[in-house]
Amino acid sequence: MTISIIIPIYNVECFIRRCLESVIEQEFSAYNIECILVDDCSTDRSVEIAQEIISSYHGSGISFILLQHRVNKGVSAARNTGVSAASGEFLFFIDSDDVVMENTLKYLFSYLVDHNHVDMVVGNSLWTEQLYLSNTPATSNKETTYLIDDKTIIWRLVLRRKIDRQVVNKLIRRSVIIDNNIVFDDNVKIYEDVLWTYKLYLNISSLLIVPALTYLYEPNLSSLTHTTPERATQFFESLTIVSDFVFHHPLVVDGHIIHYNAHRLFASRWIMMAIDVKDKYSIDSDYNSVLASLKNTMLWDTIIHFRPFMTLFFLIMFAPMKYLLKYHWFRSNLYRIEKLVYKMS
């Protein structure tokens, strides 16, 4: 069996060595590793360093493939290129500035012996900036293995943000991605992994969360808290695309939206983030009309479904109530209010 590792590369000369060295440590006789590096037109020494590491590798368990874009297309396109070139039964994404722990693939693969039907095996990621473990909210116990083979339970945990939504650190059955045409949206420059994993969770039937720490995640300095006015438009447009897709693609069974309240609240989270960016940076974008339409549609949707508490909650997306979002005391309690709305609506 082959596991295809996909690593997009763009101007990461300070990180790529330790990333690839952590991959080389994964060599394991029970499977072959196909490591696909996709250079998205780096302008620093990233590719040169990667080539040095590849040429100095003398093992037999890993085959390296270096692909290069002729023009810069972004991380979404780079990952799509990697998926198209992959031949493994399972895919495993790594960001080039992160590190996979020693024996991670051996550890994750070992669970497939007794759970060979699962679509995905997920380990714990440590967010180094916050010392936050990604999947403990789902298991409530960092030492417990958690098998979920009920699609409605998977969906409930995803919507309640109790399952990690990063694309990395997941051993994913490739056929699920190929058969359902799950691709990264090139138009989404930020939060592209959230949109992709959302599509993934729409199509998987089972997953296994395992307790060990398998991945060190370095926070992306292009995140919302580190943004600049120049990148604000990208943030706004990406958030609008994400929220629009999420709102219009709930999980529907027998004509009914599964976990209606949780789904609408999940979609509203991205809408309100887009509103934040728009108000802070005075965005002038073609996506303004999309956001306005989405807000109105969501509000009327809750009225039609007679969700009065949720309707009141969604009024904070409109002036003058939206100015409450500027107050720290309100923002710090927003999640508590959200949980109350969920219970009452």
C-alpha atoms as a PDB file:
ATOM      1  CA  MET A   1       0.000   0.000   0.000  1.00  0.00           C
ATOM      2  CA  THR A   2       1.137   3.545  -0.693  1.00  0.00           C
ATOM      3  CA  ILE A   3       0.475   6.678   1.307  1.00  0.00           C
ATOM      4  CA  SER A   4       0.788   9.901  -0.677  1.00  0.00           C
ATOM      5  CA  ILE A   5       2.073  12.870   1.301  1.00  0.00           C
ATOM      6  CA  ILE A   6       1.294  16.232  -0.312  1.00  0.00           C
ATOM      7  CA  ILE A   7       3.336  19.306   0.623  1.00  0.00           C
ATOM      8  CA  PRO A   8       2.792  22.690  -1.095  1.00  0.00           C
ATOM      9  CA  ILE A   9       5.908  24.879  -1.100  1.00  0.00           C
ATOM     10  CA  TYR A  10       6.095  28.640  -1.338  1.00  0.00           C
ATOM     11  CA  ASN A  11       8.905  30.733   0.184  1.00  0.00           C
ATOM     12  CA  VAL A  12       9.539  28.548   3.227  1.00  0.00           C
ATOM     13  CA  GLU A  13      13.314  28.298   3.146  1.00  0.00           C
ATOM     14  CA  CYS A  14      13.457  28.627   6.949  1.00  0.00           C
ATOM     15  CA  PHE A  15      11.126  25.682   7.497  1.00  0.00           C
ATOM     16  CA  ILE A  16      11.289  23.228   4.606  1.00  0.00           C
ATOM     17  CA  ARG A  17      14.346  21.343   5.893  1.00  0.00           C
ATOM     18  CA  ARG A  18      12.825  20.362   9.228  1.00  0.00           C
ATOM     19  CA  CYS A  19       9.528  19.534   7.504  1.00  0.00           C
ATOM     20  CA  LEU A  20      11.149  17.121   5.041  1.00  0.00           C
ATOM     21  CA  GLU A  21      13.401  15.642   7.698  1.00  0.00           C
ATOM     22  CA  SER A  22      10.290  14.813   9.716  1.00  0.00           C
ATOM     23  CA  VAL A  23       8.899  13.057   6.620  1.00  0.00           C
ATOM     24  CA  ILE A  24      12.067  11.003   6.150  1.00  0.00           C
ATOM     25  CA  GLU A  25      11.682   9.767   9.734  1.00  0.00           C
ATOM     26  CA  GLN A  26       8.349   8.195   8.723  1.00  0.00           C
ATOM     27  CA  GLU A  27       9.902   5.349   6.730  1.00  0.00           C
ATOM     28  CA  PHE A  28       8.062   2.115   7.574  1.00  0.00           C
ATOM     29  CA  SER A  29       8.240  -1.310   5.917  1.00  0.00           C
ATOM     30  CA  ALA A  30       4.480  -1.990   5.958  1.00  0.00           C
ATOM     31  CA  TYR A  31       3.789   0.594   3.241  1.00  0.00           C
ATOM     32  CA  ASN A  32       5.473   2.835   0.695  1.00  0.00           C
ATOM     33  CA  ILE A  33       5.487   6.593   1.002  1.00  0.00           C
ATOM     34  CA  GLU A  34       5.058   8.841  -2.012  1.00  0.00           C
ATOM     35  CA  CYS A  35       6.047  12.394  -1.054  1.00  0.00           C
ATOM     36  CA  ILE A  36       4.750  14.943  -3.568  1.00  0.00           C
ATOM     37  CA  LEU A  37       6.234  18.433  -3.297  1.00  0.00           C
ATOM     38  CA  VAL A  38       4.480  21.166  -5.271  1.00  0.00           C
ATOM     39  CA  ASP A  39       6.485  24.360  -5.724  1.00  0.00           C
ATOM     40  CA  ASP A  40       4.216  27.327  -6.372  1.00  0.00           C
ATOM     41  CA  CYS A  41       6.942  29.513  -7.906  1.00  0.00           C
ATOM     42  CA  SER A  42       9.010  30.157  -4.783  1.00  0.00           C
ATOM     43  CA  THR A  43      11.386  33.080  -5.052  1.00  0.00           C
ATOM     44  CA  ASP A  44      13.702  32.033  -2.210  1.00  0.00           C
ATOM     45  CA  ARG A  45      15.867  28.917  -1.657  1.00  0.00           C
ATOM     46  CA  SER A  46      12.965  26.620  -0.705  1.00  0.00           C
ATOM     47  CA  VAL A  47      13.252  24.396  -3.781  1.00  0.00           C
ATOM     48  CA  GLU A  48      17.039  24.332  -3.682  1.00  0.00           C
ATOM     49  CA  ILE A  49      16.968  23.141  -0.062  1.00  0.00           C
ATOM     50  CA  ALA A  50      14.299  20.550  -0.871  1.00  0.00           C
ATOM     51  CA  GLN A  51      16.374  19.223  -3.766  1.00  0.00           C
ATOM     52  CA  GLU A  52      19.439  18.945  -1.501  1.00  0.00           C
ATOM     53  CA  ILE A  53      17.468  16.866   1.000  1.00  0.00           C
ATOM     54  CA  ILE A  54      15.979  14.650  -1.707  1.00  0.00           C
ATOM     55  CA  SER A  55      19.371  13.995  -3.314  1.00  0.00           C
ATOM     56  CA  SER A  56      20.928  13.097   0.045  1.00  0.00           C
ATOM     57  CA  TYR A  57      18.157  10.613   0.894  1.00  0.00           C
ATOM     58  CA  HIS A  58      19.319   7.007   0.427  1.00  0.00           C
ATOM     59  CA  GLY A  59      16.418   5.096   1.920  1.00  0.00           C
ATOM     60  CA  SER A  60      14.067   2.846  -0.012  1.00  0.00           C
ATOM     61  CA  GLY A  61      10.673   3.494   1.575  1.00  0.00           C
ATOM     62  CA  ILE A  62      10.057   7.000   0.255  1.00  0.00           C
ATOM     63  CA  SER A  63       9.816   8.179  -3.336  1.00  0.00           C
ATOM     64  CA  PHE A  64      10.000  11.953  -3.821  1.00  0.00           C
ATOM     65  CA  ILE A  65       8.210  13.775  -6.625  1.00  0.00           C
ATOM     66  CA  LEU A  66       8.874  17.487  -7.183  1.00  0.00           C
ATOM     67  CA  LEU A  67       6.322  19.350  -9.289  1.00  0.00           C
ATOM     68  CA  GLN A  68       6.583  23.028 -10.171  1.00  0.00           C
ATOM     69  CA  HIS A  69       3.975  25.547 -11.281  1.00  0.00           C
ATOM     70  CA  ARG A  70       4.980  27.889 -14.086  1.00  0.00           C
ATOM     71  CA  VAL A  71       3.069  30.751 -12.458  1.00  0.00           C
ATOM     72  CA  ASN A  72       2.092  31.370  -8.855  1.00  0.00           C
ATOM     73  CA  LYS A  73      -1.426  30.006  -8.296  1.00  0.00           C
ATOM     74  CA  GLY A  74      -1.780  29.805  -4.515  1.00  0.00           C
ATOM     75  CA  VAL A  75      -1.887  26.972  -1.999  1.00  0.00           C
ATOM     76  CA  SER A  76      -5.289  25.685  -3.180  1.00  0.00           C
ATOM     77  CA  ALA A  77      -4.006  25.070  -6.697  1.00  0.00           C
ATOM     78  CA  ALA A  78      -0.801  23.539  -5.323  1.00  0.00           C
ATOM     79  CA  ARG A  79      -2.756  21.036  -3.267  1.00  0.00           C
ATOM     80  CA  ASN A  80      -4.989  20.221  -6.239  1.00  0.00           C
ATOM     81  CA  THR A  81      -1.866  19.546  -8.311  1.00  0.00           C
ATOM     82  CA  GLY A  82      -0.612  17.212  -5.601  1.00  0.00           C
ATOM     83  CA  VAL A  83      -3.896  15.309  -5.387  1.00  0.00           C
ATOM     84  CA  SER A  84      -3.994  14.890  -9.180  1.00  0.00           C
ATOM     85  CA  ALA A  85      -0.501  13.395  -9.159  1.00  0.00           C
ATOM     86  CA  ALA A  86      -1.063  11.127  -6.153  1.00  0.00           C
ATOM     87  CA  SER A  87      -1.429   7.363  -6.539  1.00  0.00           C
ATOM     88  CA  GLY A  88      -1.652   6.271  -2.907  1.00  0.00           C
ATOM     89  CA  GLU A  89      -4.635   4.583  -1.320  1.00  0.00           C
ATOM     90  CA  PHE A  90      -4.488   7.254   1.386  1.00  0.00           C
ATOM     91  CA  LEU A  91      -3.520  10.934   1.294  1.00  0.00           C
ATOM     92  CA  PHE A  92      -1.803  12.894   4.045  1.00  0.00           C
ATOM     93  CA  PHE A  93      -1.391  16.682   3.769  1.00  0.00           C
ATOM     94  CA  ILE A  94       1.448  18.556   5.464  1.00  0.00           C
ATOM     95  CA  ASP A  95       2.087  22.292   5.416  1.00  0.00           C
ATOM     96  CA  SER A  96       5.713  23.045   4.618  1.00  0.00           C
ATOM     97  CA  ASP A  97       6.241  25.135   7.756  1.00  0.00           C
ATOM     98  CA  ASP A  98       4.929  22.378  10.051  1.00  0.00           C
ATOM     99  CA  VAL A  99       6.384  19.157  11.432  1.00  0.00           C
ATOM    100  CA  VAL A 100       4.918  15.666  11.552  1.00  0.00           C
ATOM    101  CA  MET A 101       5.881  13.709  14.656  1.00  0.00           C
ATOM    102  CA  GLU A 102       8.143  10.665  14.536  1.00  0.00           C
ATOM    103  CA  ASN A 103       6.280   7.453  13.578  1.00  0.00           C
ATOM    104  CA  THR A 104       3.060   9.380  12.915  1.00  0.00           C
ATOM    105  CA  LEU A 105       2.148   7.440   9.761  1.00  0.00           C
ATOM    106  CA  LYS A 106       3.099   4.118  11.349  1.00  0.00           C
ATOM    107  CA  TYR A 107       0.911   5.001  14.316  1.00  0.00           C
ATOM    108  CA  LEU A 108      -2.096   6.142  12.257  1.00  0.00           C
ATOM    109  CA  PHE A 109      -1.724   3.203   9.876  1.00  0.00           C
ATOM    110  CA  SER A 110      -1.746   0.705  12.761  1.00  0.00           C
ATOM    111  CA  TYR A 111      -5.372   1.571  13.489  1.00  0.00           C
ATOM    112  CA  LEU A 112      -6.415   0.559   9.979  1.00  0.00           C
ATOM    113  CA  VAL A 113      -5.680  -3.060  10.843  1.00  0.00           C
ATOM    114  CA  ASP A 114      -8.773  -3.227  13.049  1.00  0.00           C
ATOM    115  CA  HIS A 115     -10.690  -0.413  11.335  1.00  0.00           C
ATOM    116  CA  ASN A 116      -9.981  -0.965   7.651  1.00  0.00           C
ATOM    117  CA  HIS A 117     -13.373   0.417   6.624  1.00  0.00           C
ATOM    118  CA  VAL A 118     -12.864   3.975   7.898  1.00  0.00           C
ATOM    119  CA  ASP A 119     -12.570   6.860   5.468  1.00  0.00           C
ATOM    120  CA  MET A 120     -10.228   8.872   7.645  1.00  0.00           C
ATOM    121  CA  VAL A 121      -7.877   8.540  10.639  1.00  0.00           C
ATOM    122  CA  VAL A 122      -7.108  11.744  12.531  1.00  0.00           C
ATOM    123  CA  GLY A 123      -4.418  12.369  15.126  1.00  0.00           C
ATOM    124  CA  ASN A 124      -3.988  15.291  17.496  1.00  0.00           C
ATOM    125  CA  SER A 125      -2.315  18.484  16.307  1.00  0.00           C
ATOM    126  CA  LEU A 126      -0.532  20.755  18.752  1.00  0.00           C
ATOM    127  CA  TRP A 127      -0.944  24.438  17.937  1.00  0.00           C
ATOM    128  CA  THR A 128       2.425  25.629  19.203  1.00  0.00           C
ATOM    129  CA  GLU A 129       1.422  29.276  19.722  1.00  0.00           C
ATOM    130  CA  GLN A 130      -1.464  28.404  22.066  1.00  0.00           C
ATOM    131  CA  LEU A 131      -0.404  24.924  23.217  1.00  0.00           C
ATOM    132  CA  TYR A 132      -3.833  23.784  22.064  1.00  0.00           C
ATOM    133  CA  LEU A 133      -4.614  20.158  21.176  1.00  0.00           C
ATOM    134  CA  SER A 134      -6.982  20.032  18.215  1.00  0.00           C
ATOM    135  CA  ASN A 135      -9.211  17.011  18.799  1.00  0.00           C
ATOM    136  CA  THR A 136      -9.596  16.745  22.562  1.00  0.00           C
ATOM    137  CA  PRO A 137     -12.978  18.546  22.495  1.00  0.00           C
ATOM    138  CA  ALA A 138     -14.400  15.703  20.396  1.00  0.00           C
ATOM    139  CA  THR A 139     -13.122  12.906  22.583  1.00  0.00           C
ATOM    140  CA  SER A 140     -13.272  14.699  25.958  1.00  0.00           C
ATOM    141  CA  ASN A 141     -10.341  12.445  26.802  1.00  0.00           C
ATOM    142  CA  LYS A 142      -6.956  12.760  25.135  1.00  0.00           C
ATOM    143  CA  GLU A 143      -6.229   9.081  25.840  1.00  0.00           C
ATOM    144  CA  THR A 144      -9.345   7.655  24.192  1.00  0.00           C
ATOM    145  CA  THR A 145      -9.729   6.385  20.622  1.00  0.00           C
ATOM    146  CA  TYR A 146     -12.998   7.617  19.146  1.00  0.00           C
ATOM    147  CA  LEU A 147     -14.659   5.779  16.234  1.00  0.00           C
ATOM    148  CA  ILE A 148     -17.570   7.582  14.586  1.00  0.00           C
ATOM    149  CA  ASP A 149     -19.451   5.694  11.887  1.00  0.00           C
ATOM    150  CA  ASP A 150     -22.736   7.579  12.111  1.00  0.00           C
ATOM    151  CA  LYS A 151     -22.846  10.416   9.575  1.00  0.00           C
ATOM    152  CA  THR A 152     -25.260  12.511  11.636  1.00  0.00           C
ATOM    153  CA  ILE A 153     -22.947  12.352  14.667  1.00  0.00           C
ATOM    154  CA  ILE A 154     -19.959  13.332  12.525  1.00  0.00           C
ATOM    155  CA  TRP A 155     -21.951  16.253  11.185  1.00  0.00           C
ATOM    156  CA  ARG A 156     -23.080  17.402  14.628  1.00  0.00           C
ATOM    157  CA  LEU A 157     -19.489  17.430  15.910  1.00  0.00           C
ATOM    158  CA  VAL A 158     -18.256  19.299  12.832  1.00  0.00           C
ATOM    159  CA  LEU A 159     -20.938  21.976  13.134  1.00  0.00           C
ATOM    160  CA  ARG A 160     -20.289  22.397  16.839  1.00  0.00           C
ATOM    161  CA  ARG A 161     -16.589  22.827  16.059  1.00  0.00           C
ATOM    162  CA  LYS A 162     -15.573  19.796  18.082  1.00  0.00           C
ATOM    163  CA  ILE A 163     -13.637  18.116  15.248  1.00  0.00           C
ATOM    164  CA  ASP A 164     -10.509  19.619  13.773  1.00  0.00           C
ATOM    165  CA  ARG A 165     -11.192  21.323  10.427  1.00  0.00           C
ATOM    166  CA  GLN A 166      -7.599  21.660   9.234  1.00  0.00           C
ATOM    167  CA  VAL A 167      -6.690  19.779   6.063  1.00  0.00           C
ATOM    168  CA  VAL A 168      -3.404  18.586   7.557  1.00  0.00           C
ATOM    169  CA  ASN A 169      -2.783  15.608   9.872  1.00  0.00           C
ATOM    170  CA  LYS A 170      -5.472  13.391   8.401  1.00  0.00           C
ATOM    171  CA  LEU A 171      -4.965  10.000   6.777  1.00  0.00           C
ATOM    172  CA  ILE A 172      -7.704  10.248   4.142  1.00  0.00           C
ATOM    173  CA  ARG A 173      -8.887   7.529   1.785  1.00  0.00           C
ATOM    174  CA  ARG A 174      -8.111   8.937  -1.670  1.00  0.00           C
ATOM    175  CA  SER A 175     -11.153   7.339  -3.319  1.00  0.00           C
ATOM    176  CA  VAL A 176     -13.441   9.534  -1.198  1.00  0.00           C
ATOM    177  CA  ILE A 177     -11.770  12.634  -2.613  1.00  0.00           C
ATOM    178  CA  ILE A 178     -11.633  11.413  -6.213  1.00  0.00           C
ATOM    179  CA  ASP A 179     -15.095   9.823  -6.376  1.00  0.00           C
ATOM    180  CA  ASN A 180     -16.763  12.954  -4.971  1.00  0.00           C
ATOM    181  CA  ASN A 181     -14.609  15.446  -6.889  1.00  0.00           C
ATOM    182  CA  ILE A 182     -13.514  17.247  -3.732  1.00  0.00           C
ATOM    183  CA  VAL A 183     -11.171  20.004  -4.870  1.00  0.00           C
ATOM    184  CA  PHE A 184      -9.753  23.166  -3.368  1.00  0.00           C
ATOM    185  CA  ASP A 185     -11.382  26.364  -4.632  1.00  0.00           C
ATOM    186  CA  ASP A 186      -8.683  28.486  -6.318  1.00  0.00           C
ATOM    187  CA  ASN A 187     -10.719  31.622  -5.561  1.00  0.00           C
ATOM    188  CA  VAL A 188     -10.427  31.068  -1.809  1.00  0.00           C
ATOM    189  CA  LYS A 189      -7.031  32.402  -0.761  1.00  0.00           C
ATOM    190  CA  ILE A 190      -7.605  32.173   2.992  1.00  0.00           C
ATOM    191  CA  TYR A 191      -9.576  29.545   4.942  1.00  0.00           C
ATOM    192  CA  GLU A 192      -9.381  27.298   1.891  1.00  0.00           C
ATOM    193  CA  ASP A 193      -8.811  24.325   4.177  1.00  0.00           C
ATOM    194  CA  VAL A 194     -12.069  24.974   6.050  1.00  0.00           C
ATOM    195  CA  LEU A 195     -14.077  24.926   2.830  1.00  0.00           C
ATOM    196  CA  TRP A 196     -12.305  21.783   1.587  1.00  0.00           C
ATOM    197  CA  THR A 197     -12.736  19.838   4.838  1.00  0.00           C
ATOM    198  CA  TYR A 198     -16.376  20.917   4.957  1.00  0.00           C
ATOM    199  CA  LYS A 199     -16.863  19.267   1.561  1.00  0.00           C
ATOM    200  CA  LEU A 200     -14.923  16.250   2.823  1.00  0.00           C
ATOM    201  CA  TYR A 201     -17.150  15.817   5.879  1.00  0.00           C
ATOM    202  CA  LEU A 202     -20.192  15.996   3.614  1.00  0.00           C
ATOM    203  CA  ASN A 203     -18.968  12.834   1.913  1.00  0.00           C
ATOM    204  CA  ILE A 204     -17.320  10.636   4.528  1.00  0.00           C
ATOM    205  CA  SER A 205     -19.184   7.899   6.374  1.00  0.00           C
ATOM    206  CA  SER A 206     -16.722   7.086   9.144  1.00  0.00           C
ATOM    207  CA  LEU A 207     -13.667   8.457  10.883  1.00  0.00           C
ATOM    208  CA  LEU A 208     -11.368   7.464  13.696  1.00  0.00           C
ATOM    209  CA  ILE A 209      -9.847  10.009  16.080  1.00  0.00           C
ATOM    210  CA  VAL A 210      -6.767   8.650  17.835  1.00  0.00           C
ATOM    211  CA  PRO A 211      -5.267  10.146  21.002  1.00  0.00           C
ATOM    212  CA  ALA A 212      -1.564  10.613  20.238  1.00  0.00           C
ATOM    213  CA  LEU A 213       0.091  13.893  19.282  1.00  0.00           C
ATOM    214  CA  THR A 214       1.045  13.432  15.634  1.00  0.00           C
ATOM    215  CA  TYR A 215       1.552  16.935  14.239  1.00  0.00           C
ATOM    216  CA  LEU A 216       3.035  20.292  15.268  1.00  0.00           C
ATOM    217  CA  TYR A 217       1.101  23.150  13.715  1.00  0.00           C
ATOM    218  CA  GLU A 218       2.736  26.542  13.369  1.00  0.00           C
ATOM    219  CA  PRO A 219       0.065  29.295  13.184  1.00  0.00           C
ATOM    220  CA  ASN A 220      -0.047  31.072   9.848  1.00  0.00           C
ATOM    221  CA  LEU A 221       1.078  34.686  10.197  1.00  0.00           C
ATOM    222  CA  SER A 222      -1.374  35.619   7.433  1.00  0.00           C
ATOM    223  CA  SER A 223      -4.308  34.819   9.717  1.00  0.00           C
ATOM    224  CA  LEU A 224      -6.990  37.370  10.496  1.00  0.00           C
ATOM    225  CA  THR A 225      -5.232  38.628  13.628  1.00  0.00           C
ATOM    226  CA  HIS A 226      -2.068  39.372  11.629  1.00  0.00           C
ATOM    227  CA  THR A 227      -3.645  40.798   8.497  1.00  0.00           C
ATOM    228  CA  THR A 228      -2.904  44.096   6.791  1.00  0.00           C
ATOM    229  CA  PRO A 229      -5.271  46.417   4.918  1.00  0.00           C
ATOM    230  CA  GLU A 230      -3.756  45.181   1.656  1.00  0.00           C
ATOM    231  CA  ARG A 231      -4.815  41.603   2.380  1.00  0.00           C
ATOM    232  CA  ALA A 232      -8.174  42.514   3.886  1.00  0.00           C
ATOM    233  CA  THR A 233     -10.009  42.194   0.562  1.00  0.00           C
ATOM    234  CA  GLN A 234      -8.720  38.629   0.187  1.00  0.00           C
ATOM    235  CA  PHE A 235      -9.941  37.822   3.681  1.00  0.00           C
ATOM    236  CA  PHE A 236     -13.353  39.322   3.029  1.00  0.00           C
ATOM    237  CA  GLU A 237     -13.861  37.611  -0.310  1.00  0.00           C
ATOM    238  CA  SER A 238     -12.660  34.237   0.984  1.00  0.00           C
ATOM    239  CA  LEU A 239     -14.912  34.419   4.032  1.00  0.00           C
ATOM    240  CA  THR A 240     -17.874  35.371   1.836  1.00  0.00           C
ATOM    241  CA  ILE A 241     -17.270  32.398  -0.475  1.00  0.00           C
ATOM    242  CA  VAL A 242     -16.924  30.047   2.500  1.00  0.00           C
ATOM    243  CA  SER A 243     -20.062  31.273   4.266  1.00  0.00           C
ATOM    244  CA  ASP A 244     -22.088  31.243   1.039  1.00  0.00           C
ATOM    245  CA  PHE A 245     -21.081  27.649   0.267  1.00  0.00           C
ATOM    246  CA  VAL A 246     -21.658  26.464   3.830  1.00  0.00           C
ATOM    247  CA  PHE A 247     -25.103  28.058   4.024  1.00  0.00           C
ATOM    248  CA  HIS A 248     -26.260  26.534   0.733  1.00  0.00           C
ATOM    249  CA  HIS A 249     -24.809  23.058   1.345  1.00  0.00           C
ATOM    250  CA  PRO A 250     -26.168  21.573   4.562  1.00  0.00           C
ATOM    251  CA  LEU A 251     -26.360  17.838   5.070  1.00  0.00           C
ATOM    252  CA  VAL A 252     -29.862  16.850   3.919  1.00  0.00           C
ATOM    253  CA  VAL A 253     -31.421  13.466   4.719  1.00  0.00           C
ATOM    254  CA  ASP A 254     -34.942  12.583   3.536  1.00  0.00           C
ATOM    255  CA  GLY A 255     -35.488  16.196   2.552  1.00  0.00           C
ATOM    256  CA  HIS A 256     -34.605  17.599   5.976  1.00  0.00           C
ATOM    257  CA  ILE A 257     -31.522  19.512   7.092  1.00  0.00           C
ATOM    258  CA  ILE A 258     -29.650  17.513   9.700  1.00  0.00           C
ATOM    259  CA  HIS A 259     -28.986  19.644  12.808  1.00  0.00           C
ATOM    260  CA  TYR A 260     -30.670  22.725  11.322  1.00  0.00           C
ATOM    261  CA  ASN A 261     -29.857  25.025  14.239  1.00  0.00           C
ATOM    262  CA  ALA A 262     -26.208  23.985  14.436  1.00  0.00           C
ATOM    263  CA  HIS A 263     -25.790  24.363  10.675  1.00  0.00           C
ATOM    264  CA  ARG A 264     -27.244  27.875  10.553  1.00  0.00           C
ATOM    265  CA  LEU A 265     -25.147  28.968  13.524  1.00  0.00           C
ATOM    266  CA  PHE A 266     -22.045  27.462  11.926  1.00  0.00           C
ATOM    267  CA  ALA A 267     -22.695  29.393   8.708  1.00  0.00           C
ATOM    268  CA  SER A 268     -23.334  32.595  10.663  1.00  0.00           C
ATOM    269  CA  ARG A 269     -19.887  32.386  12.243  1.00  0.00           C
ATOM    270  CA  TRP A 270     -18.203  32.899   8.855  1.00  0.00           C
ATOM    271  CA  ILE A 271     -20.686  35.596   7.867  1.00  0.00           C
ATOM    272  CA  MET A 272     -19.952  37.575  11.020  1.00  0.00           C
ATOM    273  CA  MET A 273     -16.206  37.231  10.454  1.00  0.00           C
ATOM    274  CA  ALA A 274     -16.721  38.671   6.961  1.00  0.00           C
ATOM    275  CA  ILE A 275     -18.747  41.528   8.461  1.00  0.00           C
ATOM    276  CA  ASP A 276     -15.909  42.208  10.898  1.00  0.00           C
ATOM    277  CA  VAL A 277     -13.353  42.501   8.103  1.00  0.00           C
ATOM    278  CA  LYS A 278     -15.660  44.603   5.948  1.00  0.00           C
ATOM    279  CA  ASP A 279     -16.361  47.093   8.749  1.00  0.00           C
ATOM    280  CA  LYS A 280     -12.753  47.284   9.925  1.00  0.00           C
ATOM    281  CA  TYR A 281     -11.205  47.861   6.517  1.00  0.00           C
ATOM    282  CA  SER A 282     -14.088  49.475   4.576  1.00  0.00           C
ATOM    283  CA  ILE A 283     -13.917  46.832   1.862  1.00  0.00           C
ATOM    284  CA  ASP A 284     -15.070  47.788  -1.613  1.00  0.00           C
ATOM    285  CA  SER A 285     -15.670  44.474  -3.362  1.00  0.00           C
ATOM    286  CA  ASP A 286     -18.044  42.790  -5.779  1.00  0.00           C
ATOM    287  CA  TYR A 287     -18.722  40.308  -2.962  1.00  0.00           C
ATOM    288  CA  ASN A 288     -20.502  42.977  -0.897  1.00  0.00           C
ATOM    289  CA  SER A 289     -23.794  42.168  -2.616  1.00  0.00           C
ATOM    290  CA  VAL A 290     -23.238  38.452  -2.026  1.00  0.00           C
ATOM    291  CA  LEU A 291     -22.775  39.038   1.695  1.00  0.00           C
ATOM    292  CA  ALA A 292     -25.837  41.302   1.905  1.00  0.00           C
ATOM    293  CA  SER A 293     -27.976  38.740   0.092  1.00  0.00           C
ATOM    294  CA  LEU A 294     -26.673  35.956   2.311  1.00  0.00           C
ATOM    295  CA  LYS A 295     -27.497  37.854   5.502  1.00  0.00           C
ATOM    296  CA  ASN A 296     -31.037  38.573   4.325  1.00  0.00           C
ATOM    297  CA  THR A 297     -31.607  35.002   3.150  1.00  0.00           C
ATOM    298  CA  MET A 298     -30.405  33.553   6.441  1.00  0.00           C
ATOM    299  CA  LEU A 299     -32.653  35.857   8.454  1.00  0.00           C
ATOM    300  CA  TRP A 300     -35.743  35.035   6.383  1.00  0.00           C
ATOM    301  CA  ASP A 301     -34.864  31.353   6.499  1.00  0.00           C
ATOM    302  CA  THR A 302     -35.101  31.329  10.298  1.00  0.00           C
ATOM    303  CA  ILE A 303     -38.388  33.228  10.171  1.00  0.00           C
ATOM    304  CA  ILE A 304     -39.875  30.745   7.697  1.00  0.00           C
ATOM    305  CA  HIS A 305     -38.738  27.825   9.867  1.00  0.00           C
ATOM    306  CA  PHE A 306     -40.113  29.633  12.927  1.00  0.00           C
ATOM    307  CA  ARG A 307     -36.887  29.908  14.896  1.00  0.00           C
ATOM    308  CA  PRO A 308     -37.615  33.147  16.852  1.00  0.00           C
ATOM    309  CA  PHE A 309     -34.568  33.007  19.139  1.00  0.00           C
ATOM    310  CA  MET A 310     -32.282  32.334  16.213  1.00  0.00           C
ATOM    311  CA  THR A 311     -33.900  35.182  14.284  1.00  0.00           C
ATOM    312  CA  LEU A 312     -33.181  37.559  17.148  1.00  0.00           C
ATOM    313  CA  PHE A 313     -29.602  36.314  17.333  1.00  0.00           C
ATOM    314  CA  PHE A 314     -29.064  36.840  13.601  1.00  0.00           C
ATOM    315  CA  LEU A 315     -30.212  40.446  13.892  1.00  0.00           C
ATOM    316  CA  ILE A 316     -26.716  41.203  15.185  1.00  0.00           C
ATOM    317  CA  MET A 317     -25.627  40.921  11.561  1.00  0.00           C
ATOM    318  CA  PHE A 318     -27.516  44.140  10.816  1.00  0.00           C
ATOM    319  CA  ALA A 319     -27.128  47.738  11.980  1.00  0.00           C
ATOM    320  CA  PRO A 320     -27.531  48.977  14.640  1.00  0.00           C
ATOM    321  CA  MET A 321     -27.190  45.679  16.531  1.00  0.00           C
ATOM    322  CA  LYS A 322     -24.036  44.664  14.681  1.00  0.00           C
ATOM    323  CA  TYR A 323     -22.130  47.352  16.569  1.00  0.00           C
ATOM    324  CA  LEU A 324     -22.395  45.115  19.629  1.00  0.00           C
ATOM    325  CA  LEU A 325     -19.704  43.025  17.944  1.00  0.00           C
ATOM    326  CA  LYS A 326     -17.217  45.807  18.632  1.00  0.00           C
ATOM    327  CA  TYR A 327     -17.510  45.381  22.394  1.00  0.00           C
ATOM    328  CA  HIS A 328     -15.148  42.912  24.000  1.00  0.00           C
ATOM    329  CA  TRP A 329     -17.664  41.873  26.658  1.00  0.00           C
ATOM    330  CA  PHE A 330     -20.135  40.897  23.947  1.00  0.00           C
ATOM    331  CA  ARG A 331     -17.609  39.086  21.798  1.00  0.00           C
ATOM    332  CA  SER A 332     -16.231  37.165  24.766  1.00  0.00           C
ATOM    333  CA  ASN A 333     -19.720  35.865  25.546  1.00  0.00           C
ATOM    334  CA  LEU A 334     -20.835  35.328  21.956  1.00  0.00           C
ATOM    335  CA  TYR A 335     -20.209  31.577  22.061  1.00  0.00           C
ATOM    336  CA  ARG A 336     -22.250  31.271  25.265  1.00  0.00           C
ATOM    337  CA  ILE A 337     -25.086  33.179  23.639  1.00  0.00           C
ATOM    338  CA  GLU A 338     -24.774  30.940  20.585  1.00  0.00           C
ATOM    339  CA  LYS A 339     -25.137  27.793  22.724  1.00  0.00           C
ATOM    340  CA  LEU A 340     -28.178  29.304  24.458  1.00  0.00           C
ATOM    341  CA  VAL A 341     -29.782  30.089  21.088  1.00  0.00           C
ATOM    342  CA  TYR A 342     -29.065  26.542  19.958  1.00  0.00           C
ATOM    343  CA  LYS A 343     -30.912  25.111  22.948  1.00  0.00           C
ATOM    344  CA  MET A 344     -33.874  27.472  22.736  1.00  0.00           C
ATOM    345  CA  SER A 345     -34.503  27.583  18.984  1.00  0.00           C
END
